[in-house]
Amino acid sequence: MDGSLIWFKGAVDSEAAENNNLNIQYEGSVRFDGQVGKNQKLGVLTVNNIGTYGTIFLNTDTIGSVGGQTPGGRRHPEQNITLSNDTSGNISFSGLVDSKTGTNKSLTVEQTAGSTGSIVFAKAIGSADKLSSFSTTVTDAAAANKIGASVTTTGAQTYAGNTVLTADVTMTGTGITIGVLDSDATARDLTIADTGTTTLGGSIGGTNALDVLTVGTANALALPTLKVADLSVTTSNDNVTQTGAATVTGATTLSTGTGDITLDKAGNSFTGAIKAAGDDVTLVNSIATNLGASTVGGAFSLTSTGGAT
């Protein structure tokens, strides 16, 4: 211990052929300067009750466990770091996550193949000092990346496996990739601000619909099967297309500059007003269409069951 700090200056491992737990209950900060569980993984790693101003300083590139990790307080990566867990148990972050002051470090969190655990973030990531990149991966069908606050990076963000929003969330970065995405029991808002390419690889709102989905991306966007209340998409003069049908119970706003808009899936259901601003615009709606003020630079095609107003 160094004053109000518990300081691990070297590597921390379990005894050979064992996976022992490390439980830290401390009203202060905790610092790891060596790899944790690199040679022999820990069982469960817990850091709790570290106080209002407590910080976990991670001057290491690896933390490994088999039974879960629970870091309390603010987590502060000082190197590019990977946290991994095997077998079972959640990896849960109860506090803020920020990069080392004045730097941009990467954070990778993964439940490895065969693990049944989820990954839980309760508070903002990169709100004070941005991460360079952020990646979170779950592998079990019943597990999820549970995101409870906004995420800010200078580079890429990757959400692999199932992702569940437990609050309204803004993702800000360059190159954001999301797999299957749902709200929890409450319909949540998701805002994506992406200066690169946004990739939506799985369904959105298939289990629990989102409230408002807002995507602002620099490049072309392919929308997957989705269920939301309101939809807003903006690109920087690039195309918007679909890989699955959209169900939007409220307003739909699409703006692509000189890019085309092609929402042509037969199962589309746009209940509220549709506003489109693009070059060539193609819309298919399986119900009556309420077409709002739109600006079309090229060809316009609307296929609507029940007519249009």
C-alpha atoms as a PDB file:
ATOM      1  CA  MET A   1       0.000   0.000   0.000  1.00  0.00           C
ATOM      2  CA  ASP A   2       1.268   3.489  -0.869  1.00  0.00           C
ATOM      3  CA  GLY A   3      -0.749   6.116   1.039  1.00  0.00           C
ATOM      4  CA  SER A   4      -4.332   5.844  -0.204  1.00  0.00           C
ATOM      5  CA  LEU A   5      -3.297   3.476  -2.998  1.00  0.00           C
ATOM      6  CA  ILE A   6      -3.109  -0.304  -3.249  1.00  0.00           C
ATOM      7  CA  TRP A   7      -0.349  -0.825  -5.800  1.00  0.00           C
ATOM      8  CA  PHE A   8       0.451  -4.095  -7.571  1.00  0.00           C
ATOM      9  CA  LYS A   9       3.861  -3.361  -9.101  1.00  0.00           C
ATOM     10  CA  GLY A  10       4.356  -6.758 -10.761  1.00  0.00           C
ATOM     11  CA  ALA A  11       2.412  -9.578 -12.352  1.00  0.00           C
ATOM     12  CA  VAL A  12      -0.552 -11.114 -10.525  1.00  0.00           C
ATOM     13  CA  ASP A  13      -1.335 -14.780 -11.214  1.00  0.00           C
ATOM     14  CA  SER A  14      -3.103 -17.692  -9.603  1.00  0.00           C
ATOM     15  CA  GLU A  15      -1.092 -20.606  -8.315  1.00  0.00           C
ATOM     16  CA  ALA A  16      -0.269 -23.195 -10.982  1.00  0.00           C
ATOM     17  CA  ALA A  17      -3.246 -25.349 -12.017  1.00  0.00           C
ATOM     18  CA  GLU A  18      -5.624 -23.202  -9.942  1.00  0.00           C
ATOM     19  CA  ASN A  19      -7.925 -20.259 -10.595  1.00  0.00           C
ATOM     20  CA  ASN A  20      -7.980 -18.314  -7.342  1.00  0.00           C
ATOM     21  CA  ASN A  21     -10.115 -15.272  -6.593  1.00  0.00           C
ATOM     22  CA  LEU A  22      -8.792 -11.781  -5.866  1.00  0.00           C
ATOM     23  CA  ASN A  23     -11.232  -9.639  -3.867  1.00  0.00           C
ATOM     24  CA  ILE A  24     -10.216  -6.050  -3.068  1.00  0.00           C
ATOM     25  CA  GLN A  25     -12.471  -4.031  -0.738  1.00  0.00           C
ATOM     26  CA  TYR A  26     -10.822  -0.651  -0.253  1.00  0.00           C
ATOM     27  CA  GLU A  27     -11.747   3.005   0.279  1.00  0.00           C
ATOM     28  CA  GLY A  28      -9.194   4.381  -2.155  1.00  0.00           C
ATOM     29  CA  SER A  29      -7.519   3.750  -5.493  1.00  0.00           C
ATOM     30  CA  VAL A  30      -5.995   0.554  -6.875  1.00  0.00           C
ATOM     31  CA  ARG A  31      -3.168   0.310  -9.407  1.00  0.00           C
ATOM     32  CA  PHE A  32      -2.023  -2.655 -11.517  1.00  0.00           C
ATOM     33  CA  ASP A  33       1.394  -2.245 -13.177  1.00  0.00           C
ATOM     34  CA  GLY A  34       1.794  -5.862 -14.278  1.00  0.00           C
ATOM     35  CA  GLN A  35      -0.218  -8.376 -16.225  1.00  0.00           C
ATOM     36  CA  VAL A  36      -3.069  -9.978 -14.296  1.00  0.00           C
ATOM     37  CA  GLY A  37      -3.863 -13.627 -14.933  1.00  0.00           C
ATOM     38  CA  LYS A  38      -1.621 -13.761 -17.988  1.00  0.00           C
ATOM     39  CA  ASN A  39       0.253 -16.946 -17.024  1.00  0.00           C
ATOM     40  CA  GLN A  40      -2.414 -18.508 -14.793  1.00  0.00           C
ATOM     41  CA  LYS A  41      -5.848 -16.926 -14.891  1.00  0.00           C
ATOM     42  CA  LEU A  42      -7.633 -15.742 -11.776  1.00  0.00           C
ATOM     43  CA  GLY A  43     -11.007 -17.129 -10.752  1.00  0.00           C
ATOM     44  CA  VAL A  44     -13.042 -14.009  -9.965  1.00  0.00           C
ATOM     45  CA  LEU A  45     -11.493 -10.530  -9.821  1.00  0.00           C
ATOM     46  CA  THR A  46     -13.447  -8.041  -7.689  1.00  0.00           C
ATOM     47  CA  VAL A  47     -12.546  -4.452  -6.802  1.00  0.00           C
ATOM     48  CA  ASN A  48     -15.278  -2.893  -4.641  1.00  0.00           C
ATOM     49  CA  ASN A  49     -16.037  -0.012  -2.284  1.00  0.00           C
ATOM     50  CA  ILE A  50     -13.208   2.149  -3.515  1.00  0.00           C
ATOM     51  CA  GLY A  51     -14.908   5.400  -2.611  1.00  0.00           C
ATOM     52  CA  THR A  52     -16.177   8.456  -4.431  1.00  0.00           C
ATOM     53  CA  TYR A  53     -12.762   9.431  -5.773  1.00  0.00           C
ATOM     54  CA  GLY A  54     -11.296   5.962  -6.152  1.00  0.00           C
ATOM     55  CA  THR A  55      -9.741   5.036  -9.486  1.00  0.00           C
ATOM     56  CA  ILE A  56      -8.456   1.747 -10.883  1.00  0.00           C
ATOM     57  CA  PHE A  57      -5.245   2.492 -12.788  1.00  0.00           C
ATOM     58  CA  LEU A  58      -4.528  -0.175 -15.417  1.00  0.00           C
ATOM     59  CA  ASN A  59      -0.886   0.120 -16.456  1.00  0.00           C
ATOM     60  CA  THR A  60      -1.023  -3.352 -18.012  1.00  0.00           C
ATOM     61  CA  ASP A  61      -2.107  -4.931 -21.273  1.00  0.00           C
ATOM     62  CA  THR A  62      -3.833  -8.077 -19.969  1.00  0.00           C
ATOM     63  CA  ILE A  63      -6.351  -9.090 -17.308  1.00  0.00           C
ATOM     64  CA  GLY A  64      -7.591 -12.681 -17.502  1.00  0.00           C
ATOM     65  CA  SER A  65     -10.097 -14.637 -15.408  1.00  0.00           C
ATOM     66  CA  VAL A  66     -12.400 -17.642 -15.623  1.00  0.00           C
ATOM     67  CA  GLY A  67     -15.189 -16.565 -13.269  1.00  0.00           C
ATOM     68  CA  GLY A  68     -15.855 -12.903 -14.020  1.00  0.00           C
ATOM     69  CA  GLN A  69     -14.527  -9.449 -13.214  1.00  0.00           C
ATOM     70  CA  THR A  70     -16.128  -6.616 -11.242  1.00  0.00           C
ATOM     71  CA  PRO A  71     -14.141  -3.382 -11.203  1.00  0.00           C
ATOM     72  CA  GLY A  72     -15.734  -0.613  -9.147  1.00  0.00           C
ATOM     73  CA  GLY A  73     -15.048   3.105  -9.405  1.00  0.00           C
ATOM     74  CA  ARG A  74     -13.442   4.805 -12.361  1.00  0.00           C
ATOM     75  CA  ARG A  75     -11.343   2.560 -14.608  1.00  0.00           C
ATOM     76  CA  HIS A  76      -8.322   4.261 -16.133  1.00  0.00           C
ATOM     77  CA  PRO A  77      -6.397   2.356 -18.872  1.00  0.00           C
ATOM     78  CA  GLU A  78      -2.793   3.550 -19.144  1.00  0.00           C
ATOM     79  CA  GLN A  79      -1.918   1.024 -21.861  1.00  0.00           C
ATOM     80  CA  ASN A  80      -3.856  -0.650 -24.642  1.00  0.00           C
ATOM     81  CA  ILE A  81      -5.559  -3.394 -22.646  1.00  0.00           C
ATOM     82  CA  THR A  82      -7.533  -6.605 -23.133  1.00  0.00           C
ATOM     83  CA  LEU A  83      -9.799  -8.018 -20.421  1.00  0.00           C
ATOM     84  CA  SER A  84     -10.920 -11.582 -21.061  1.00  0.00           C
ATOM     85  CA  ASN A  85     -12.999 -14.116 -19.186  1.00  0.00           C
ATOM     86  CA  ASP A  86     -13.499 -17.844 -19.728  1.00  0.00           C
ATOM     87  CA  THR A  87     -16.239 -20.251 -18.643  1.00  0.00           C
ATOM     88  CA  SER A  88     -18.780 -18.164 -16.659  1.00  0.00           C
ATOM     89  CA  GLY A  89     -19.409 -14.934 -14.786  1.00  0.00           C
ATOM     90  CA  ASN A  90     -19.995 -11.394 -15.977  1.00  0.00           C
ATOM     91  CA  ILE A  91     -17.444  -8.670 -16.567  1.00  0.00           C
ATOM     92  CA  SER A  92     -19.086  -5.644 -14.947  1.00  0.00           C
ATOM     93  CA  PHE A  93     -17.923  -2.014 -14.910  1.00  0.00           C
ATOM     94  CA  SER A  94     -19.775   0.019 -12.292  1.00  0.00           C
ATOM     95  CA  GLY A  95     -17.850   3.269 -12.807  1.00  0.00           C
ATOM     96  CA  LEU A  96     -16.601   5.577 -15.540  1.00  0.00           C
ATOM     97  CA  VAL A  97     -14.033   4.325 -18.046  1.00  0.00           C
ATOM     98  CA  ASP A  98     -11.514   6.838 -19.407  1.00  0.00           C
ATOM     99  CA  SER A  99      -8.146   6.689 -21.101  1.00  0.00           C
ATOM    100  CA  LYS A 100      -4.986   7.903 -19.407  1.00  0.00           C
ATOM    101  CA  THR A 101      -5.081  11.700 -19.251  1.00  0.00           C
ATOM    102  CA  GLY A 102      -3.652  13.213 -22.417  1.00  0.00           C
ATOM    103  CA  THR A 103      -3.563   9.892 -24.293  1.00  0.00           C
ATOM    104  CA  ASN A 104      -5.952   7.672 -26.225  1.00  0.00           C
ATOM    105  CA  LYS A 105      -5.703   3.993 -25.248  1.00  0.00           C
ATOM    106  CA  SER A 106      -7.716   1.043 -26.534  1.00  0.00           C
ATOM    107  CA  LEU A 107      -9.975  -1.189 -24.441  1.00  0.00           C
ATOM    108  CA  THR A 108     -10.937  -4.698 -25.526  1.00  0.00           C
ATOM    109  CA  VAL A 109     -13.316  -6.730 -23.352  1.00  0.00           C
ATOM    110  CA  GLU A 110     -14.221 -10.272 -24.323  1.00  0.00           C
ATOM    111  CA  GLN A 111     -16.086 -13.296 -23.103  1.00  0.00           C
ATOM    112  CA  THR A 112     -14.183 -16.016 -24.908  1.00  0.00           C
ATOM    113  CA  ALA A 113     -15.787 -18.887 -26.834  1.00  0.00           C
ATOM    114  CA  GLY A 114     -17.678 -21.133 -24.436  1.00  0.00           C
ATOM    115  CA  SER A 115     -18.162 -18.464 -21.784  1.00  0.00           C
ATOM    116  CA  THR A 116     -21.758 -17.797 -20.714  1.00  0.00           C
ATOM    117  CA  GLY A 117     -21.162 -14.384 -19.160  1.00  0.00           C
ATOM    118  CA  SER A 118     -22.327 -10.919 -20.175  1.00  0.00           C
ATOM    119  CA  ILE A 119     -20.370  -7.652 -20.234  1.00  0.00           C
ATOM    120  CA  VAL A 120     -21.947  -4.745 -18.370  1.00  0.00           C
ATOM    121  CA  PHE A 121     -21.066  -1.039 -18.585  1.00  0.00           C
ATOM    122  CA  ALA A 122     -23.061   1.128 -16.176  1.00  0.00           C
ATOM    123  CA  LYS A 123     -21.484   4.522 -16.874  1.00  0.00           C
ATOM    124  CA  ALA A 124     -19.902   6.546 -19.661  1.00  0.00           C
ATOM    125  CA  ILE A 125     -16.874   5.376 -21.610  1.00  0.00           C
ATOM    126  CA  GLY A 126     -14.390   7.985 -22.821  1.00  0.00           C
ATOM    127  CA  SER A 127     -16.364  10.969 -21.573  1.00  0.00           C
ATOM    128  CA  ALA A 128     -13.348  12.786 -20.084  1.00  0.00           C
ATOM    129  CA  ASP A 129     -10.430  11.226 -21.994  1.00  0.00           C
ATOM    130  CA  LYS A 130     -11.413   9.383 -25.157  1.00  0.00           C
ATOM    131  CA  LEU A 131     -10.340   5.826 -25.837  1.00  0.00           C
ATOM    132  CA  SER A 132      -8.596   5.182 -29.154  1.00  0.00           C
ATOM    133  CA  SER A 133     -10.849   2.197 -29.808  1.00  0.00           C
ATOM    134  CA  PHE A 134     -13.372   0.101 -27.920  1.00  0.00           C
ATOM    135  CA  SER A 135     -14.402  -3.497 -28.495  1.00  0.00           C
ATOM    136  CA  THR A 136     -16.770  -5.674 -26.474  1.00  0.00           C
ATOM    137  CA  THR A 137     -17.628  -9.276 -27.366  1.00  0.00           C
ATOM    138  CA  VAL A 138     -20.011 -11.870 -25.960  1.00  0.00           C
ATOM    139  CA  THR A 139     -20.298 -15.360 -27.420  1.00  0.00           C
ATOM    140  CA  ASP A 140     -23.233 -17.024 -25.653  1.00  0.00           C
ATOM    141  CA  ALA A 141     -26.698 -16.651 -27.202  1.00  0.00           C
ATOM    142  CA  ALA A 142     -28.189 -15.732 -23.818  1.00  0.00           C
ATOM    143  CA  ALA A 143     -25.471 -13.192 -22.969  1.00  0.00           C
ATOM    144  CA  ALA A 144     -25.260  -9.523 -23.952  1.00  0.00           C
ATOM    145  CA  ASN A 145     -23.084  -6.460 -24.074  1.00  0.00           C
ATOM    146  CA  LYS A 146     -25.152  -4.232 -21.775  1.00  0.00           C
ATOM    147  CA  ILE A 147     -24.454  -0.570 -22.502  1.00  0.00           C
ATOM    148  CA  GLY A 148     -25.766   1.913 -19.945  1.00  0.00           C
ATOM    149  CA  ALA A 149     -24.202   5.201 -21.062  1.00  0.00           C
ATOM    150  CA  SER A 150     -22.489   6.925 -23.962  1.00  0.00           C
ATOM    151  CA  VAL A 151     -19.267   5.717 -25.613  1.00  0.00           C
ATOM    152  CA  THR A 152     -16.694   8.071 -27.157  1.00  0.00           C
ATOM    153  CA  THR A 153     -13.596   7.037 -29.111  1.00  0.00           C
ATOM    154  CA  THR A 154     -11.212   8.613 -31.590  1.00  0.00           C
ATOM    155  CA  GLY A 155     -11.337   5.426 -33.661  1.00  0.00           C
ATOM    156  CA  ALA A 156     -13.392   2.285 -34.057  1.00  0.00           C
ATOM    157  CA  GLN A 157     -16.061   0.739 -31.849  1.00  0.00           C
ATOM    158  CA  THR A 158     -17.125  -2.908 -32.130  1.00  0.00           C
ATOM    159  CA  TYR A 159     -20.076  -4.566 -30.381  1.00  0.00           C
ATOM    160  CA  ALA A 160     -19.934  -8.275 -31.228  1.00  0.00           C
ATOM    161  CA  GLY A 161     -22.722 -10.673 -30.299  1.00  0.00           C
ATOM    162  CA  ASN A 162     -25.926  -9.436 -28.677  1.00  0.00           C
ATOM    163  CA  THR A 163     -26.000  -5.842 -27.429  1.00  0.00           C
ATOM    164  CA  VAL A 164     -28.690  -4.418 -25.134  1.00  0.00           C
ATOM    165  CA  LEU A 165     -29.160  -0.724 -24.343  1.00  0.00           C
ATOM    166  CA  THR A 166     -29.994  -0.189 -20.675  1.00  0.00           C
ATOM    167  CA  ALA A 167     -30.243   3.608 -21.097  1.00  0.00           C
ATOM    168  CA  ASP A 168     -30.327   6.167 -23.900  1.00  0.00           C
ATOM    169  CA  VAL A 169     -26.891   5.953 -25.539  1.00  0.00           C
ATOM    170  CA  THR A 170     -24.750   8.025 -27.906  1.00  0.00           C
ATOM    171  CA  MET A 171     -21.886   6.302 -29.720  1.00  0.00           C
ATOM    172  CA  THR A 172     -19.282   8.695 -31.146  1.00  0.00           C
ATOM    173  CA  GLY A 173     -16.337   7.372 -33.131  1.00  0.00           C
ATOM    174  CA  THR A 174     -14.847   6.484 -36.503  1.00  0.00           C
ATOM    175  CA  GLY A 175     -16.076   3.131 -37.774  1.00  0.00           C
ATOM    176  CA  ILE A 176     -18.834   1.741 -35.536  1.00  0.00           C
ATOM    177  CA  THR A 177     -19.844  -1.915 -35.943  1.00  0.00           C
ATOM    178  CA  ILE A 178     -22.836  -3.421 -34.125  1.00  0.00           C
ATOM    179  CA  GLY A 179     -24.268  -6.941 -34.244  1.00  0.00           C
ATOM    180  CA  VAL A 180     -27.736  -7.742 -32.901  1.00  0.00           C
ATOM    181  CA  LEU A 181     -29.112  -4.753 -30.966  1.00  0.00           C
ATOM    182  CA  ASP A 182     -32.104  -4.387 -28.636  1.00  0.00           C
ATOM    183  CA  SER A 183     -33.457  -2.194 -25.879  1.00  0.00           C
ATOM    184  CA  ASP A 184     -33.990  -3.659 -22.446  1.00  0.00           C
ATOM    185  CA  ALA A 185     -37.595  -3.687 -21.166  1.00  0.00           C
ATOM    186  CA  THR A 186     -37.737   0.099 -21.784  1.00  0.00           C
ATOM    187  CA  ALA A 187     -37.530   1.450 -25.336  1.00  0.00           C
ATOM    188  CA  ARG A 188     -34.195   3.285 -25.580  1.00  0.00           C
ATOM    189  CA  ASP A 189     -32.725   5.926 -27.893  1.00  0.00           C
ATOM    190  CA  LEU A 190     -29.518   5.253 -29.814  1.00  0.00           C
ATOM    191  CA  THR A 191     -27.598   8.046 -31.513  1.00  0.00           C
ATOM    192  CA  ILE A 192     -24.627   7.128 -33.699  1.00  0.00           C
ATOM    193  CA  ALA A 193     -22.202   9.884 -34.708  1.00  0.00           C
ATOM    194  CA  ASP A 194     -19.685   8.228 -37.018  1.00  0.00           C
ATOM    195  CA  THR A 195     -17.024   9.984 -39.088  1.00  0.00           C
ATOM    196  CA  GLY A 196     -16.279   6.672 -40.833  1.00  0.00           C
ATOM    197  CA  THR A 197     -18.393   3.712 -41.930  1.00  0.00           C
ATOM    198  CA  THR A 198     -21.228   2.435 -39.747  1.00  0.00           C
ATOM    199  CA  THR A 199     -21.909  -1.303 -40.034  1.00  0.00           C
ATOM    200  CA  LEU A 200     -25.179  -2.653 -38.635  1.00  0.00           C
ATOM    201  CA  GLY A 201     -24.705  -6.379 -38.989  1.00  0.00           C
ATOM    202  CA  GLY A 202     -27.691  -7.804 -37.117  1.00  0.00           C
ATOM    203  CA  SER A 203     -31.310  -7.017 -36.422  1.00  0.00           C
ATOM    204  CA  ILE A 204     -32.250  -3.904 -34.440  1.00  0.00           C
ATOM    205  CA  GLY A 205     -35.156  -4.040 -32.014  1.00  0.00           C
ATOM    206  CA  GLY A 206     -36.109  -7.575 -32.961  1.00  0.00           C
ATOM    207  CA  THR A 207     -36.775  -8.566 -29.343  1.00  0.00           C
ATOM    208  CA  ASN A 208     -37.390  -5.153 -27.753  1.00  0.00           C
ATOM    209  CA  ALA A 209     -37.876  -2.219 -30.115  1.00  0.00           C
ATOM    210  CA  LEU A 210     -35.820   0.944 -29.817  1.00  0.00           C
ATOM    211  CA  ASP A 211     -37.455   4.328 -29.298  1.00  0.00           C
ATOM    212  CA  VAL A 212     -35.440   6.692 -31.530  1.00  0.00           C
ATOM    213  CA  LEU A 213     -32.635   5.482 -33.796  1.00  0.00           C
ATOM    214  CA  THR A 214     -30.484   8.301 -35.171  1.00  0.00           C
ATOM    215  CA  VAL A 215     -27.538   7.501 -37.420  1.00  0.00           C
ATOM    216  CA  GLY A 216     -25.150  10.103 -38.773  1.00  0.00           C
ATOM    217  CA  THR A 217     -22.378   8.505 -40.816  1.00  0.00           C
ATOM    218  CA  ALA A 218     -19.850   9.703 -43.357  1.00  0.00           C
ATOM    219  CA  ASN A 219     -20.247   6.780 -45.737  1.00  0.00           C
ATOM    220  CA  ALA A 220     -22.888   4.474 -47.197  1.00  0.00           C
ATOM    221  CA  LEU A 221     -25.230   2.722 -44.775  1.00  0.00           C
ATOM    222  CA  ALA A 222     -27.113  -0.566 -45.113  1.00  0.00           C
ATOM    223  CA  LEU A 223     -30.040  -0.820 -42.705  1.00  0.00           C
ATOM    224  CA  PRO A 224     -30.811  -4.297 -41.316  1.00  0.00           C
ATOM    225  CA  THR A 225     -34.191  -5.587 -40.184  1.00  0.00           C
ATOM    226  CA  LEU A 226     -35.318  -3.061 -37.593  1.00  0.00           C
ATOM    227  CA  LYS A 227     -38.175  -2.057 -35.297  1.00  0.00           C
ATOM    228  CA  VAL A 228     -38.094   1.483 -33.909  1.00  0.00           C
ATOM    229  CA  ALA A 229     -40.462   4.295 -33.044  1.00  0.00           C
ATOM    230  CA  ASP A 230     -38.598   7.004 -34.986  1.00  0.00           C
ATOM    231  CA  LEU A 231     -35.803   6.680 -37.544  1.00  0.00           C
ATOM    232  CA  SER A 232     -33.374   9.365 -38.703  1.00  0.00           C
ATOM    233  CA  VAL A 233     -30.464   8.681 -41.061  1.00  0.00           C
ATOM    234  CA  THR A 234     -27.942  11.152 -42.458  1.00  0.00           C
ATOM    235  CA  THR A 235     -24.956  10.379 -44.690  1.00  0.00           C
ATOM    236  CA  SER A 236     -22.323  12.624 -46.237  1.00  0.00           C
ATOM    237  CA  ASN A 237     -23.463  12.322 -49.864  1.00  0.00           C
ATOM    238  CA  ASP A 238     -23.579   8.533 -49.819  1.00  0.00           C
ATOM    239  CA  ASN A 239     -26.244   5.871 -50.288  1.00  0.00           C
ATOM    240  CA  VAL A 240     -28.723   4.329 -47.848  1.00  0.00           C
ATOM    241  CA  THR A 241     -29.965   0.812 -48.616  1.00  0.00           C
ATOM    242  CA  GLN A 242     -31.588  -2.122 -46.795  1.00  0.00           C
ATOM    243  CA  THR A 243     -30.682  -5.708 -46.005  1.00  0.00           C
ATOM    244  CA  GLY A 244     -33.957  -6.294 -44.125  1.00  0.00           C
ATOM    245  CA  ALA A 245     -37.405  -4.782 -43.696  1.00  0.00           C
ATOM    246  CA  ALA A 246     -38.018  -1.730 -41.502  1.00  0.00           C
ATOM    247  CA  THR A 247     -40.897  -1.234 -39.063  1.00  0.00           C
ATOM    248  CA  VAL A 248     -41.144   2.409 -38.006  1.00  0.00           C
ATOM    249  CA  THR A 249     -44.199   3.428 -35.997  1.00  0.00           C
ATOM    250  CA  GLY A 250     -43.350   7.142 -35.965  1.00  0.00           C
ATOM    251  CA  ALA A 251     -41.455   9.530 -38.215  1.00  0.00           C
ATOM    252  CA  THR A 252     -38.793   8.568 -40.765  1.00  0.00           C
ATOM    253  CA  THR A 253     -36.252  11.183 -41.883  1.00  0.00           C
ATOM    254  CA  LEU A 254     -33.614  10.374 -44.509  1.00  0.00           C
ATOM    255  CA  SER A 255     -30.950  12.756 -45.805  1.00  0.00           C
ATOM    256  CA  THR A 256     -28.181  11.633 -48.165  1.00  0.00           C
ATOM    257  CA  GLY A 257     -27.206  14.750 -50.122  1.00  0.00           C
ATOM    258  CA  THR A 258     -26.168  13.490 -53.560  1.00  0.00           C
ATOM    259  CA  GLY A 259     -26.494   9.873 -52.420  1.00  0.00           C
ATOM    260  CA  ASP A 260     -29.399   7.592 -53.285  1.00  0.00           C
ATOM    261  CA  ILE A 261     -32.072   6.281 -50.912  1.00  0.00           C
ATOM    262  CA  THR A 262     -33.284   2.757 -51.639  1.00  0.00           C
ATOM    263  CA  LEU A 263     -35.688   1.324 -49.063  1.00  0.00           C
ATOM    264  CA  ASP A 264     -37.295  -1.329 -51.222  1.00  0.00           C
ATOM    265  CA  LYS A 265     -38.094  -4.286 -48.959  1.00  0.00           C
ATOM    266  CA  ALA A 266     -41.634  -5.633 -49.373  1.00  0.00           C
ATOM    267  CA  GLY A 267     -42.105  -5.933 -45.625  1.00  0.00           C
ATOM    268  CA  ASN A 268     -41.426  -2.271 -44.869  1.00  0.00           C
ATOM    269  CA  SER A 269     -43.980  -0.615 -42.600  1.00  0.00           C
ATOM    270  CA  PHE A 270     -43.663   3.155 -42.231  1.00  0.00           C
ATOM    271  CA  THR A 271     -46.602   4.440 -40.169  1.00  0.00           C
ATOM    272  CA  GLY A 272     -45.612   8.072 -39.674  1.00  0.00           C
ATOM    273  CA  ALA A 273     -44.493  10.744 -42.096  1.00  0.00           C
ATOM    274  CA  ILE A 274     -41.542   9.970 -44.369  1.00  0.00           C
ATOM    275  CA  LYS A 275     -39.232  12.837 -45.290  1.00  0.00           C
ATOM    276  CA  ALA A 276     -36.533  12.089 -47.850  1.00  0.00           C
ATOM    277  CA  ALA A 277     -33.742  14.254 -49.242  1.00  0.00           C
ATOM    278  CA  GLY A 278     -31.438  12.571 -51.743  1.00  0.00           C
ATOM    279  CA  ASP A 279     -30.697  11.963 -55.413  1.00  0.00           C
ATOM    280  CA  ASP A 280     -32.601   8.896 -56.626  1.00  0.00           C
ATOM    281  CA  VAL A 281     -35.209   7.864 -54.039  1.00  0.00           C
ATOM    282  CA  THR A 282     -37.007   4.496 -54.000  1.00  0.00           C
ATOM    283  CA  LEU A 283     -39.511   3.719 -51.244  1.00  0.00           C
ATOM    284  CA  VAL A 284     -41.672   0.649 -50.659  1.00  0.00           C
ATOM    285  CA  ASN A 285     -44.317   0.660 -47.933  1.00  0.00           C
ATOM    286  CA  SER A 286     -46.695  -2.184 -47.110  1.00  0.00           C
ATOM    287  CA  ILE A 287     -49.254   0.254 -45.662  1.00  0.00           C
ATOM    288  CA  ALA A 288     -50.600   3.669 -46.662  1.00  0.00           C
ATOM    289  CA  THR A 289     -47.838   6.254 -46.939  1.00  0.00           C
ATOM    290  CA  ASN A 290     -47.727   9.708 -45.391  1.00  0.00           C
ATOM    291  CA  LEU A 291     -45.140  11.472 -47.526  1.00  0.00           C
ATOM    292  CA  GLY A 292     -43.744  14.574 -45.899  1.00  0.00           C
ATOM    293  CA  ALA A 293     -41.739  17.416 -47.418  1.00  0.00           C
ATOM    294  CA  SER A 294     -39.024  15.814 -49.542  1.00  0.00           C
ATOM    295  CA  THR A 295     -36.259  16.940 -51.880  1.00  0.00           C
ATOM    296  CA  VAL A 296     -35.334  14.598 -54.721  1.00  0.00           C
ATOM    297  CA  GLY A 297     -32.513  15.384 -57.130  1.00  0.00           C
ATOM    298  CA  GLY A 298     -33.107  12.471 -59.507  1.00  0.00           C
ATOM    299  CA  ALA A 299     -35.733   9.778 -59.983  1.00  0.00           C
ATOM    300  CA  PHE A 300     -38.459   9.112 -57.423  1.00  0.00           C
ATOM    301  CA  SER A 301     -40.367   5.846 -56.984  1.00  0.00           C
ATOM    302  CA  LEU A 302     -43.000   5.053 -54.357  1.00  0.00           C
ATOM    303  CA  THR A 303     -44.772   1.714 -54.031  1.00  0.00           C
ATOM    304  CA  SER A 304     -47.430   1.968 -51.345  1.00  0.00           C
ATOM    305  CA  THR A 305     -50.239  -0.389 -50.377  1.00  0.00           C
ATOM    306  CA  GLY A 306     -53.209   1.793 -49.511  1.00  0.00           C
ATOM    307  CA  GLY A 307     -52.100   4.863 -51.405  1.00  0.00           C
ATOM    308  CA  ALA A 308     -50.192   7.957 -50.356  1.00  0.00           C
ATOM    309  CA  THR A 309     -50.966  11.379 -48.962  1.00  0.00           C
END
